[in-house]
């Protein structure tokens, strides 16, 4: 191997560009791992929020952003639950701010995921506001539901950032294969139904409609549609949309068998939605125990992440290579000439 002093200027530039690209990919790998850890932490926070609600601790701290006018109040079980939820959320926000700063200061990474990072910043800001409104409006249904949906949207956006950073670290600049339009439409339909199911689930929870239909598979007294009004109608809509979501995800998994990039993900999503239905049935039969409620919330959050990964694979169009990669390639070409 020749010493650097023996290289021509063009060869020196090519080596420098290649080394810079390697460094960028290494940073993308580390930051991608960091964002994946943040996804896991956000998943845990969503489940913790469900436990706060299931234990009736949502208003254990009756004010916001402080708790009984103090940064650290005296604790009992419920106050510790709610305060702990806020503390974890604050810690997660600081970790997100640090990872975002490290990502945005690197031009090649900013080119690839900058828009996604800023989208996550906006979603997090909205989530903080909704968290405060949930307390100040005394757990109003619209605030609780919006808080749930926005929290899952934040987790999904973090996952998109992590997937793109990991792709950059591997040197991928485009999907391995194009997704057939029919399969892409199925994946999109599953995404739409999942968002609707998340909204309906939030409304069922916030309006305490979990046992509005006390039986399964019928709603009440052997009747499937005794009423479509009020909380009973809400519970029936939640069930019907859940069945439609399951049918769509099962059809997607069947259609994706010949698509290597999607086959495993869609199969996992189909399995997850069946487990979700089983947990929903258990919630009714066992009269909404805290443990099953927490598992049901965890299953919903996991399904959101799985469907997000499916959407990412199905809809990620061919992306231009990062500028650093282009520069390195151009320099190498000049050196070769």
C-alpha atoms as a PDB file:
ATOM      1  CA  UNK A   1       0.000   0.000   0.000  1.00  0.00           C
ATOM      2  CA  UNK A   2       1.428   3.358  -1.005  1.00  0.00           C
ATOM      3  CA  UNK A   3       2.067   6.070   1.541  1.00  0.00           C
ATOM      4  CA  UNK A   4      -0.261   9.076   1.356  1.00  0.00           C
ATOM      5  CA  UNK A   5       2.602  11.257   0.131  1.00  0.00           C
ATOM      6  CA  UNK A   6       2.893   9.004  -2.936  1.00  0.00           C
ATOM      7  CA  UNK A   7      -0.767   9.460  -3.976  1.00  0.00           C
ATOM      8  CA  UNK A   8      -1.784  11.810  -6.758  1.00  0.00           C
ATOM      9  CA  UNK A   9      -4.116  14.693  -5.777  1.00  0.00           C
ATOM     10  CA  UNK A  10      -7.070  12.922  -7.396  1.00  0.00           C
ATOM     11  CA  UNK A  11      -6.301   9.678  -5.562  1.00  0.00           C
ATOM     12  CA  UNK A  12      -5.938  11.579  -2.302  1.00  0.00           C
ATOM     13  CA  UNK A  13      -9.320  13.211  -2.773  1.00  0.00           C
ATOM     14  CA  UNK A  14     -10.911   9.849  -3.596  1.00  0.00           C
ATOM     15  CA  UNK A  15      -9.436   8.231  -0.476  1.00  0.00           C
ATOM     16  CA  UNK A  16     -10.552  11.168   1.662  1.00  0.00           C
ATOM     17  CA  UNK A  17     -14.075  10.994   0.270  1.00  0.00           C
ATOM     18  CA  UNK A  18     -14.267   7.240   0.840  1.00  0.00           C
ATOM     19  CA  UNK A  19     -13.037   7.621   4.409  1.00  0.00           C
ATOM     20  CA  UNK A  20     -15.580  10.393   4.983  1.00  0.00           C
ATOM     21  CA  UNK A  21     -18.347   8.162   3.621  1.00  0.00           C
ATOM     22  CA  UNK A  22     -17.257   5.323   5.912  1.00  0.00           C
ATOM     23  CA  UNK A  23     -17.367   7.704   8.878  1.00  0.00           C
ATOM     24  CA  UNK A  24     -20.844   8.892   7.898  1.00  0.00           C
ATOM     25  CA  UNK A  25     -22.101   5.330   7.629  1.00  0.00           C
ATOM     26  CA  UNK A  26     -20.634   4.538  11.048  1.00  0.00           C
ATOM     27  CA  UNK A  27     -22.440   7.533  12.539  1.00  0.00           C
ATOM     28  CA  UNK A  28     -25.647   6.489  10.769  1.00  0.00           C
ATOM     29  CA  UNK A  29     -25.291   3.015  12.281  1.00  0.00           C
ATOM     30  CA  UNK A  30     -24.822   4.371  15.808  1.00  0.00           C
ATOM     31  CA  UNK A  31     -27.633   6.919  15.514  1.00  0.00           C
ATOM     32  CA  UNK A  32     -29.925   4.326  13.945  1.00  0.00           C
ATOM     33  CA  UNK A  33     -29.337   2.108  16.966  1.00  0.00           C
ATOM     34  CA  UNK A  34     -30.042   5.086  19.218  1.00  0.00           C
ATOM     35  CA  UNK A  35     -33.351   5.826  17.494  1.00  0.00           C
ATOM     36  CA  UNK A  36     -34.321   2.145  17.684  1.00  0.00           C
ATOM     37  CA  UNK A  37     -33.681   2.277  21.440  1.00  0.00           C
ATOM     38  CA  UNK A  38     -35.874   5.372  21.540  1.00  0.00           C
ATOM     39  CA  UNK A  39     -38.622   3.454  19.721  1.00  0.00           C
ATOM     40  CA  UNK A  40     -38.449   0.769  22.404  1.00  0.00           C
ATOM     41  CA  UNK A  41     -38.583   3.405  25.144  1.00  0.00           C
ATOM     42  CA  UNK A  42     -41.577   5.099  23.512  1.00  0.00           C
ATOM     43  CA  UNK A  43     -43.321   1.737  23.259  1.00  0.00           C
ATOM     44  CA  UNK A  44     -42.754   1.262  26.989  1.00  0.00           C
ATOM     45  CA  UNK A  45     -44.062   4.757  27.687  1.00  0.00           C
ATOM     46  CA  UNK A  46     -47.271   4.042  25.743  1.00  0.00           C
ATOM     47  CA  UNK A  47     -47.841   0.900  27.820  1.00  0.00           C
ATOM     48  CA  UNK A  48     -47.056   2.831  31.007  1.00  0.00           C
ATOM     49  CA  UNK A  49     -49.640   5.427  29.999  1.00  0.00           C
ATOM     50  CA  UNK A  50     -52.221   2.667  29.578  1.00  0.00           C
ATOM     51  CA  UNK A  51     -51.391   1.380  33.055  1.00  0.00           C
ATOM     52  CA  UNK A  52     -51.770   4.882  34.499  1.00  0.00           C
ATOM     53  CA  UNK A  53     -55.276   5.028  33.077  1.00  0.00           C
ATOM     54  CA  UNK A  54     -56.157   1.451  34.039  1.00  0.00           C
ATOM     55  CA  UNK A  55     -55.192   2.189  37.657  1.00  0.00           C
ATOM     56  CA  UNK A  56     -57.262   5.388  37.684  1.00  0.00           C
ATOM     57  CA  UNK A  57     -54.157   7.537  38.182  1.00  0.00           C
ATOM     58  CA  UNK A  58     -54.644   9.916  35.266  1.00  0.00           C
ATOM     59  CA  UNK A  59     -55.539  12.815  37.591  1.00  0.00           C
ATOM     60  CA  UNK A  60     -53.346  11.780  40.503  1.00  0.00           C
ATOM     61  CA  UNK A  61     -51.391  14.959  39.711  1.00  0.00           C
ATOM     62  CA  UNK A  62     -54.271  17.429  39.277  1.00  0.00           C
ATOM     63  CA  UNK A  63     -52.161  20.209  37.757  1.00  0.00           C
ATOM     64  CA  UNK A  64     -49.611  20.511  34.969  1.00  0.00           C
ATOM     65  CA  UNK A  65     -46.671  20.805  34.382  1.00  0.00           C
ATOM     66  CA  UNK A  66     -46.107  20.560  38.169  1.00  0.00           C
ATOM     67  CA  UNK A  67     -47.756  18.056  40.497  1.00  0.00           C
ATOM     68  CA  UNK A  68     -49.591  19.662  43.434  1.00  0.00           C
ATOM     69  CA  UNK A  69     -47.558  22.768  42.658  1.00  0.00           C
ATOM     70  CA  UNK A  70     -44.268  20.918  43.190  1.00  0.00           C
ATOM     71  CA  UNK A  71     -41.636  19.497  40.898  1.00  0.00           C
ATOM     72  CA  UNK A  72     -41.343  16.386  43.106  1.00  0.00           C
ATOM     73  CA  UNK A  73     -44.464  15.860  45.246  1.00  0.00           C
ATOM     74  CA  UNK A  74     -45.078  13.475  48.100  1.00  0.00           C
ATOM     75  CA  UNK A  75     -45.832  10.081  46.644  1.00  0.00           C
ATOM     76  CA  UNK A  76     -48.535   7.530  47.089  1.00  0.00           C
ATOM     77  CA  UNK A  77     -49.182   4.705  44.636  1.00  0.00           C
ATOM     78  CA  UNK A  78     -51.273   6.723  42.179  1.00  0.00           C
ATOM     79  CA  UNK A  79     -49.165   9.881  42.346  1.00  0.00           C
ATOM     80  CA  UNK A  80     -46.001   7.838  41.806  1.00  0.00           C
ATOM     81  CA  UNK A  81     -47.596   6.216  38.755  1.00  0.00           C
ATOM     82  CA  UNK A  82     -48.601   9.509  37.125  1.00  0.00           C
ATOM     83  CA  UNK A  83     -45.448  11.393  38.140  1.00  0.00           C
ATOM     84  CA  UNK A  84     -43.299   8.489  36.919  1.00  0.00           C
ATOM     85  CA  UNK A  85     -45.074   8.609  33.570  1.00  0.00           C
ATOM     86  CA  UNK A  86     -44.248  12.304  33.268  1.00  0.00           C
ATOM     87  CA  UNK A  87     -40.628  11.749  34.343  1.00  0.00           C
ATOM     88  CA  UNK A  88     -40.093   8.992  31.781  1.00  0.00           C
ATOM     89  CA  UNK A  89     -41.659  11.181  29.078  1.00  0.00           C
ATOM     90  CA  UNK A  90     -39.351  14.065  29.983  1.00  0.00           C
ATOM     91  CA  UNK A  91     -36.266  11.835  29.924  1.00  0.00           C
ATOM     92  CA  UNK A  92     -37.295  10.396  26.572  1.00  0.00           C
ATOM     93  CA  UNK A  93     -37.758  13.920  25.187  1.00  0.00           C
ATOM     94  CA  UNK A  94     -34.234  14.890  26.234  1.00  0.00           C
ATOM     95  CA  UNK A  95     -32.798  11.762  24.624  1.00  0.00           C
ATOM     96  CA  UNK A  96     -34.711  12.540  21.431  1.00  0.00           C
ATOM     97  CA  UNK A  97     -33.380  16.114  21.429  1.00  0.00           C
ATOM     98  CA  UNK A  98     -29.799  14.843  21.733  1.00  0.00           C
ATOM     99  CA  UNK A  99     -30.162  12.265  18.948  1.00  0.00           C
ATOM    100  CA  UNK A 100     -31.884  14.797  16.707  1.00  0.00           C
ATOM    101  CA  UNK A 101     -29.086  17.337  17.185  1.00  0.00           C
ATOM    102  CA  UNK A 102     -26.422  14.747  16.375  1.00  0.00           C
ATOM    103  CA  UNK A 103     -28.339  13.700  13.257  1.00  0.00           C
ATOM    104  CA  UNK A 104     -29.160  17.135  11.882  1.00  0.00           C
ATOM    105  CA  UNK A 105     -25.624  18.474  12.197  1.00  0.00           C
ATOM    106  CA  UNK A 106     -24.372  15.878   9.685  1.00  0.00           C
ATOM    107  CA  UNK A 107     -25.263  17.026   6.119  1.00  0.00           C
ATOM    108  CA  UNK A 108     -25.530  13.541   4.620  1.00  0.00           C
ATOM    109  CA  UNK A 109     -27.784  12.356   7.449  1.00  0.00           C
ATOM    110  CA  UNK A 110     -29.815  15.550   7.335  1.00  0.00           C
ATOM    111  CA  UNK A 111     -30.391  15.000   3.622  1.00  0.00           C
ATOM    112  CA  UNK A 112     -31.725  11.504   4.269  1.00  0.00           C
ATOM    113  CA  UNK A 113     -33.824  11.933   7.438  1.00  0.00           C
ATOM    114  CA  UNK A 114     -33.997  15.671   8.183  1.00  0.00           C
ATOM    115  CA  UNK A 115     -37.662  15.987   7.210  1.00  0.00           C
ATOM    116  CA  UNK A 116     -38.559  12.985   9.356  1.00  0.00           C
ATOM    117  CA  UNK A 117     -36.694  14.388  12.351  1.00  0.00           C
ATOM    118  CA  UNK A 118     -38.514  17.720  12.092  1.00  0.00           C
ATOM    119  CA  UNK A 119     -41.810  15.861  11.735  1.00  0.00           C
ATOM    120  CA  UNK A 120     -41.007  14.006  14.960  1.00  0.00           C
ATOM    121  CA  UNK A 121     -40.190  17.319  16.662  1.00  0.00           C
ATOM    122  CA  UNK A 122     -43.612  18.684  15.676  1.00  0.00           C
ATOM    123  CA  UNK A 123     -45.411  15.527  16.808  1.00  0.00           C
ATOM    124  CA  UNK A 124     -43.591  15.534  20.146  1.00  0.00           C
ATOM    125  CA  UNK A 125     -44.465  19.199  20.727  1.00  0.00           C
ATOM    126  CA  UNK A 126     -48.121  18.397  20.007  1.00  0.00           C
ATOM    127  CA  UNK A 127     -47.945  15.399  22.339  1.00  0.00           C
ATOM    128  CA  UNK A 128     -46.619  17.533  25.201  1.00  0.00           C
ATOM    129  CA  UNK A 129     -49.461  20.024  24.715  1.00  0.00           C
ATOM    130  CA  UNK A 130     -52.024  17.212  24.580  1.00  0.00           C
ATOM    131  CA  UNK A 131     -50.591  15.717  27.761  1.00  0.00           C
ATOM    132  CA  UNK A 132     -51.166  18.996  29.562  1.00  0.00           C
ATOM    133  CA  UNK A 133     -54.660  19.394  28.104  1.00  0.00           C
ATOM    134  CA  UNK A 134     -55.553  15.852  29.163  1.00  0.00           C
ATOM    135  CA  UNK A 135     -54.979  16.867  32.786  1.00  0.00           C
ATOM    136  CA  UNK A 136     -56.413  20.377  32.556  1.00  0.00           C
ATOM    137  CA  UNK A 137     -59.563  19.120  30.795  1.00  0.00           C
ATOM    138  CA  UNK A 138     -60.008  16.325  33.350  1.00  0.00           C
ATOM    139  CA  UNK A 139     -59.434  13.382  31.005  1.00  0.00           C
ATOM    140  CA  UNK A 140     -61.854  14.564  28.314  1.00  0.00           C
ATOM    141  CA  UNK A 141     -62.380  11.852  25.704  1.00  0.00           C
ATOM    142  CA  UNK A 142     -60.969  13.925  22.846  1.00  0.00           C
ATOM    143  CA  UNK A 143     -57.748  14.707  24.734  1.00  0.00           C
ATOM    144  CA  UNK A 144     -57.191  11.114  25.878  1.00  0.00           C
ATOM    145  CA  UNK A 145     -57.780   9.756  22.379  1.00  0.00           C
ATOM    146  CA  UNK A 146     -55.621  12.416  20.705  1.00  0.00           C
ATOM    147  CA  UNK A 147     -52.853  11.755  23.241  1.00  0.00           C
ATOM    148  CA  UNK A 148     -52.931   8.037  22.431  1.00  0.00           C
ATOM    149  CA  UNK A 149     -52.914   8.510  18.662  1.00  0.00           C
ATOM    150  CA  UNK A 150     -50.154  11.135  18.770  1.00  0.00           C
ATOM    151  CA  UNK A 151     -47.977   8.970  21.012  1.00  0.00           C
ATOM    152  CA  UNK A 152     -48.204   6.118  18.537  1.00  0.00           C
ATOM    153  CA  UNK A 153     -47.527   8.510  15.652  1.00  0.00           C
ATOM    154  CA  UNK A 154     -44.356   9.643  17.423  1.00  0.00           C
ATOM    155  CA  UNK A 155     -43.187   6.042  17.852  1.00  0.00           C
ATOM    156  CA  UNK A 156     -43.921   5.322  14.182  1.00  0.00           C
ATOM    157  CA  UNK A 157     -41.955   8.387  13.050  1.00  0.00           C
ATOM    158  CA  UNK A 158     -38.982   7.401  15.202  1.00  0.00           C
ATOM    159  CA  UNK A 159     -39.060   3.969  13.583  1.00  0.00           C
ATOM    160  CA  UNK A 160     -39.006   5.522  10.098  1.00  0.00           C
ATOM    161  CA  UNK A 161     -35.944   7.564  11.076  1.00  0.00           C
ATOM    162  CA  UNK A 162     -34.187   4.494  12.460  1.00  0.00           C
ATOM    163  CA  UNK A 163     -34.946   2.393   9.372  1.00  0.00           C
ATOM    164  CA  UNK A 164     -33.583   5.060   7.032  1.00  0.00           C
ATOM    165  CA  UNK A 165     -30.425   5.545   9.067  1.00  0.00           C
ATOM    166  CA  UNK A 166     -29.809   1.806   9.147  1.00  0.00           C
ATOM    167  CA  UNK A 167     -30.338   1.629   5.378  1.00  0.00           C
ATOM    168  CA  UNK A 168     -27.794   4.399   4.898  1.00  0.00           C
ATOM    169  CA  UNK A 169     -25.343   2.583   7.170  1.00  0.00           C
ATOM    170  CA  UNK A 170     -25.657  -0.503   4.969  1.00  0.00           C
ATOM    171  CA  UNK A 171     -25.157   1.560   1.839  1.00  0.00           C
ATOM    172  CA  UNK A 172     -28.718   1.020   0.610  1.00  0.00           C
ATOM    173  CA  UNK A 173     -30.044   3.930  -1.422  1.00  0.00           C
ATOM    174  CA  UNK A 174     -33.274   2.330  -2.661  1.00  0.00           C
ATOM    175  CA  UNK A 175     -35.540  -0.635  -1.882  1.00  0.00           C
ATOM    176  CA  UNK A 176     -34.328  -3.963  -3.172  1.00  0.00           C
ATOM    177  CA  UNK A 177     -37.462  -4.403  -5.286  1.00  0.00           C
ATOM    178  CA  UNK A 178     -40.560  -2.505  -6.350  1.00  0.00           C
ATOM    179  CA  UNK A 179     -43.760  -3.430  -4.506  1.00  0.00           C
ATOM    180  CA  UNK A 180     -46.645  -4.410  -6.843  1.00  0.00           C
ATOM    181  CA  UNK A 181     -49.406  -1.766  -6.855  1.00  0.00           C
ATOM    182  CA  UNK A 182     -52.090  -4.192  -5.609  1.00  0.00           C
ATOM    183  CA  UNK A 183     -49.967  -5.214  -2.636  1.00  0.00           C
ATOM    184  CA  UNK A 184     -49.118  -1.588  -1.924  1.00  0.00           C
ATOM    185  CA  UNK A 185     -52.851  -0.786  -1.894  1.00  0.00           C
ATOM    186  CA  UNK A 186     -53.488  -3.566   0.623  1.00  0.00           C
ATOM    187  CA  UNK A 187     -50.725  -2.302   2.888  1.00  0.00           C
ATOM    188  CA  UNK A 188     -52.142   1.219   2.676  1.00  0.00           C
ATOM    189  CA  UNK A 189     -55.666  -0.006   3.447  1.00  0.00           C
ATOM    190  CA  UNK A 190     -54.322  -1.804   6.494  1.00  0.00           C
ATOM    191  CA  UNK A 191     -52.670   1.397   7.643  1.00  0.00           C
ATOM    192  CA  UNK A 192     -55.876   3.410   7.292  1.00  0.00           C
ATOM    193  CA  UNK A 193     -57.947   0.814   9.158  1.00  0.00           C
ATOM    194  CA  UNK A 194     -55.303   0.631  11.889  1.00  0.00           C
ATOM    195  CA  UNK A 195     -55.418   4.392  12.467  1.00  0.00           C
ATOM    196  CA  UNK A 196     -59.212   4.230  12.656  1.00  0.00           C
ATOM    197  CA  UNK A 197     -58.981   1.309  15.086  1.00  0.00           C
ATOM    198  CA  UNK A 198     -56.573   3.261  17.264  1.00  0.00           C
ATOM    199  CA  UNK A 199     -59.010   6.189  17.388  1.00  0.00           C
ATOM    200  CA  UNK A 200     -61.930   3.889  18.196  1.00  0.00           C
ATOM    201  CA  UNK A 201     -59.893   2.124  20.869  1.00  0.00           C
ATOM    202  CA  UNK A 202     -58.982   5.434  22.463  1.00  0.00           C
ATOM    203  CA  UNK A 203     -62.644   6.476  22.504  1.00  0.00           C
ATOM    204  CA  UNK A 204     -63.723   3.131  23.977  1.00  0.00           C
ATOM    205  CA  UNK A 205     -61.145   3.530  26.741  1.00  0.00           C
ATOM    206  CA  UNK A 206     -61.769   7.205  27.458  1.00  0.00           C
ATOM    207  CA  UNK A 207     -65.555   6.702  27.580  1.00  0.00           C
ATOM    208  CA  UNK A 208     -65.252   3.547  29.695  1.00  0.00           C
ATOM    209  CA  UNK A 209     -67.048   1.511  27.040  1.00  0.00           C
ATOM    210  CA  UNK A 210     -64.972  -1.649  27.422  1.00  0.00           C
ATOM    211  CA  UNK A 211     -67.963  -3.594  28.739  1.00  0.00           C
ATOM    212  CA  UNK A 212     -70.691  -1.727  26.841  1.00  0.00           C
ATOM    213  CA  UNK A 213     -71.038  -5.053  25.029  1.00  0.00           C
ATOM    214  CA  UNK A 214     -70.671  -7.536  27.909  1.00  0.00           C
ATOM    215  CA  UNK A 215     -70.636 -10.667  25.694  1.00  0.00           C
ATOM    216  CA  UNK A 216     -68.597 -12.072  22.826  1.00  0.00           C
ATOM    217  CA  UNK A 217     -69.037 -12.855  19.972  1.00  0.00           C
ATOM    218  CA  UNK A 218     -72.470 -11.274  20.362  1.00  0.00           C
ATOM    219  CA  UNK A 219     -72.836  -7.888  21.997  1.00  0.00           C
ATOM    220  CA  UNK A 220     -75.461  -8.618  24.650  1.00  0.00           C
ATOM    221  CA  UNK A 221     -77.954 -11.416  25.335  1.00  0.00           C
ATOM    222  CA  UNK A 222     -77.093 -13.183  22.094  1.00  0.00           C
ATOM    223  CA  UNK A 223     -77.825 -10.100  19.957  1.00  0.00           C
ATOM    224  CA  UNK A 224     -74.990  -8.812  17.784  1.00  0.00           C
ATOM    225  CA  UNK A 225     -76.355  -5.311  17.112  1.00  0.00           C
ATOM    226  CA  UNK A 226     -78.733  -4.402  19.932  1.00  0.00           C
ATOM    227  CA  UNK A 227     -78.060  -0.691  19.472  1.00  0.00           C
ATOM    228  CA  UNK A 228     -75.748   1.478  17.436  1.00  0.00           C
ATOM    229  CA  UNK A 229     -76.152   4.478  19.737  1.00  0.00           C
ATOM    230  CA  UNK A 230     -73.942   5.738  22.534  1.00  0.00           C
ATOM    231  CA  UNK A 231     -71.147   3.691  24.049  1.00  0.00           C
ATOM    232  CA  UNK A 232     -72.653   0.407  22.842  1.00  0.00           C
ATOM    233  CA  UNK A 233     -72.511   1.638  19.251  1.00  0.00           C
ATOM    234  CA  UNK A 234     -68.924   2.733  19.849  1.00  0.00           C
ATOM    235  CA  UNK A 235     -67.962  -0.719  21.129  1.00  0.00           C
ATOM    236  CA  UNK A 236     -69.668  -2.389  18.155  1.00  0.00           C
ATOM    237  CA  UNK A 237     -67.823  -0.069  15.738  1.00  0.00           C
ATOM    238  CA  UNK A 238     -64.541  -0.964  17.466  1.00  0.00           C
ATOM    239  CA  UNK A 239     -65.249  -4.666  17.008  1.00  0.00           C
ATOM    240  CA  UNK A 240     -66.402  -4.403  13.385  1.00  0.00           C
ATOM    241  CA  UNK A 241     -63.422  -2.304  12.355  1.00  0.00           C
ATOM    242  CA  UNK A 242     -61.140  -4.742  14.184  1.00  0.00           C
ATOM    243  CA  UNK A 243     -62.542  -7.609  12.111  1.00  0.00           C
ATOM    244  CA  UNK A 244     -62.080  -5.583   8.921  1.00  0.00           C
ATOM    245  CA  UNK A 245     -58.497  -4.791   9.941  1.00  0.00           C
ATOM    246  CA  UNK A 246     -57.772  -8.455  10.632  1.00  0.00           C
ATOM    247  CA  UNK A 247     -59.204  -9.520   7.272  1.00  0.00           C
ATOM    248  CA  UNK A 248     -57.121  -6.873   5.480  1.00  0.00           C
ATOM    249  CA  UNK A 249     -53.866  -7.795   7.221  1.00  0.00           C
ATOM    250  CA  UNK A 250     -54.458 -11.507   6.595  1.00  0.00           C
ATOM    251  CA  UNK A 251     -55.114 -10.780   2.911  1.00  0.00           C
ATOM    252  CA  UNK A 252     -51.972  -8.655   2.804  1.00  0.00           C
ATOM    253  CA  UNK A 253     -49.856 -11.439   4.305  1.00  0.00           C
ATOM    254  CA  UNK A 254     -51.273 -13.906   1.767  1.00  0.00           C
ATOM    255  CA  UNK A 255     -50.593 -11.536  -1.145  1.00  0.00           C
ATOM    256  CA  UNK A 256     -47.056 -10.800   0.093  1.00  0.00           C
ATOM    257  CA  UNK A 257     -45.881 -14.407   0.123  1.00  0.00           C
ATOM    258  CA  UNK A 258     -43.877 -13.846  -3.056  1.00  0.00           C
ATOM    259  CA  UNK A 259     -42.413 -10.513  -1.970  1.00  0.00           C
ATOM    260  CA  UNK A 260     -39.296 -11.257   0.106  1.00  0.00           C
ATOM    261  CA  UNK A 261     -39.048  -7.743   1.544  1.00  0.00           C
ATOM    262  CA  UNK A 262     -42.623  -7.826   2.867  1.00  0.00           C
ATOM    263  CA  UNK A 263     -43.470 -11.471   3.457  1.00  0.00           C
ATOM    264  CA  UNK A 264     -42.116 -11.719   6.993  1.00  0.00           C
ATOM    265  CA  UNK A 265     -43.338  -8.297   8.129  1.00  0.00           C
ATOM    266  CA  UNK A 266     -46.872  -8.815   6.858  1.00  0.00           C
ATOM    267  CA  UNK A 267     -46.998 -12.287   8.428  1.00  0.00           C
ATOM    268  CA  UNK A 268     -45.971 -10.781  11.768  1.00  0.00           C
ATOM    269  CA  UNK A 269     -48.602  -8.041  11.439  1.00  0.00           C
ATOM    270  CA  UNK A 270     -51.293 -10.626  10.655  1.00  0.00           C
ATOM    271  CA  UNK A 271     -50.264 -12.687  13.680  1.00  0.00           C
ATOM    272  CA  UNK A 272     -50.252  -9.596  15.873  1.00  0.00           C
ATOM    273  CA  UNK A 273     -53.781  -8.566  14.875  1.00  0.00           C
ATOM    274  CA  UNK A 274     -55.096 -12.055  15.677  1.00  0.00           C
ATOM    275  CA  UNK A 275     -53.440 -11.864  19.096  1.00  0.00           C
ATOM    276  CA  UNK A 276     -55.041  -8.439  19.552  1.00  0.00           C
ATOM    277  CA  UNK A 277     -58.479  -9.868  18.891  1.00  0.00           C
ATOM    278  CA  UNK A 278     -57.800 -12.648  21.391  1.00  0.00           C
ATOM    279  CA  UNK A 279     -56.783 -10.080  24.011  1.00  0.00           C
ATOM    280  CA  UNK A 280     -59.896  -8.044  23.253  1.00  0.00           C
ATOM    281  CA  UNK A 281     -62.055 -11.121  23.791  1.00  0.00           C
ATOM    282  CA  UNK A 282     -60.208 -11.878  27.041  1.00  0.00           C
ATOM    283  CA  UNK A 283     -60.843  -8.300  28.161  1.00  0.00           C
ATOM    284  CA  UNK A 284     -64.596  -8.880  27.793  1.00  0.00           C
ATOM    285  CA  UNK A 285     -64.718 -12.380  29.239  1.00  0.00           C
ATOM    286  CA  UNK A 286     -62.511 -11.470  32.228  1.00  0.00           C
ATOM    287  CA  UNK A 287     -64.210  -8.078  32.770  1.00  0.00           C
ATOM    288  CA  UNK A 288     -61.346  -5.752  31.784  1.00  0.00           C
ATOM    289  CA  UNK A 289     -58.564  -6.711  34.215  1.00  0.00           C
ATOM    290  CA  UNK A 290     -55.607  -4.333  34.403  1.00  0.00           C
ATOM    291  CA  UNK A 291     -53.141  -6.933  33.145  1.00  0.00           C
ATOM    292  CA  UNK A 292     -55.103  -7.736  29.975  1.00  0.00           C
ATOM    293  CA  UNK A 293     -55.743  -4.034  29.376  1.00  0.00           C
ATOM    294  CA  UNK A 294     -51.987  -3.395  29.481  1.00  0.00           C
ATOM    295  CA  UNK A 295     -51.301  -6.292  27.108  1.00  0.00           C
ATOM    296  CA  UNK A 296     -54.019  -5.051  24.759  1.00  0.00           C
ATOM    297  CA  UNK A 297     -52.404  -1.590  24.700  1.00  0.00           C
ATOM    298  CA  UNK A 298     -48.965  -3.124  24.148  1.00  0.00           C
ATOM    299  CA  UNK A 299     -50.342  -5.222  21.301  1.00  0.00           C
ATOM    300  CA  UNK A 300     -51.836  -2.172  19.644  1.00  0.00           C
ATOM    301  CA  UNK A 301     -48.547  -0.257  19.873  1.00  0.00           C
ATOM    302  CA  UNK A 302     -46.625  -3.254  18.501  1.00  0.00           C
ATOM    303  CA  UNK A 303     -49.077  -3.544  15.619  1.00  0.00           C
ATOM    304  CA  UNK A 304     -48.598   0.144  14.801  1.00  0.00           C
ATOM    305  CA  UNK A 305     -44.825  -0.392  14.591  1.00  0.00           C
ATOM    306  CA  UNK A 306     -45.164  -3.526  12.448  1.00  0.00           C
ATOM    307  CA  UNK A 307     -47.554  -1.826  10.028  1.00  0.00           C
ATOM    308  CA  UNK A 308     -45.255   1.203   9.904  1.00  0.00           C
ATOM    309  CA  UNK A 309     -42.402  -1.069   8.852  1.00  0.00           C
ATOM    310  CA  UNK A 310     -44.652  -2.613   6.169  1.00  0.00           C
ATOM    311  CA  UNK A 311     -45.596   0.827   4.863  1.00  0.00           C
ATOM    312  CA  UNK A 312     -41.932   1.877   4.849  1.00  0.00           C
ATOM    313  CA  UNK A 313     -40.945  -1.078   2.681  1.00  0.00           C
ATOM    314  CA  UNK A 314     -43.955  -0.803   0.376  1.00  0.00           C
ATOM    315  CA  UNK A 315     -43.817   2.944  -0.248  1.00  0.00           C
ATOM    316  CA  UNK A 316     -40.170   3.943   0.067  1.00  0.00           C
ATOM    317  CA  UNK A 317     -39.434   5.160  -3.450  1.00  0.00           C
ATOM    318  CA  UNK A 318     -35.971   5.099  -4.981  1.00  0.00           C
ATOM    319  CA  UNK A 319     -33.991   7.707  -3.093  1.00  0.00           C
ATOM    320  CA  UNK A 320     -31.025   9.638  -4.451  1.00  0.00           C
ATOM    321  CA  UNK A 321     -27.751   8.654  -2.932  1.00  0.00           C
ATOM    322  CA  UNK A 322     -26.514  11.021  -0.214  1.00  0.00           C
ATOM    323  CA  UNK A 323     -24.368  13.840  -1.494  1.00  0.00           C
ATOM    324  CA  UNK A 324     -21.340  12.442   0.289  1.00  0.00           C
ATOM    325  CA  UNK A 325     -21.740   9.145  -1.555  1.00  0.00           C
ATOM    326  CA  UNK A 326     -22.020  10.929  -4.886  1.00  0.00           C
ATOM    327  CA  UNK A 327     -18.913  12.978  -4.133  1.00  0.00           C
ATOM    328  CA  UNK A 328     -16.948   9.889  -3.214  1.00  0.00           C
ATOM    329  CA  UNK A 329     -18.012   8.147  -6.408  1.00  0.00           C
ATOM    330  CA  UNK A 330     -17.110  11.138  -8.547  1.00  0.00           C
ATOM    331  CA  UNK A 331     -13.708  11.449  -6.902  1.00  0.00           C
ATOM    332  CA  UNK A 332     -13.009   7.767  -7.430  1.00  0.00           C
ATOM    333  CA  UNK A 333     -13.983   8.072 -11.084  1.00  0.00           C
ATOM    334  CA  UNK A 334     -11.624  10.994 -11.553  1.00  0.00           C
ATOM    335  CA  UNK A 335      -8.831   9.097  -9.874  1.00  0.00           C
ATOM    336  CA  UNK A 336      -9.437   6.102 -12.105  1.00  0.00           C
ATOM    337  CA  UNK A 337      -9.332   8.338 -15.178  1.00  0.00           C
END
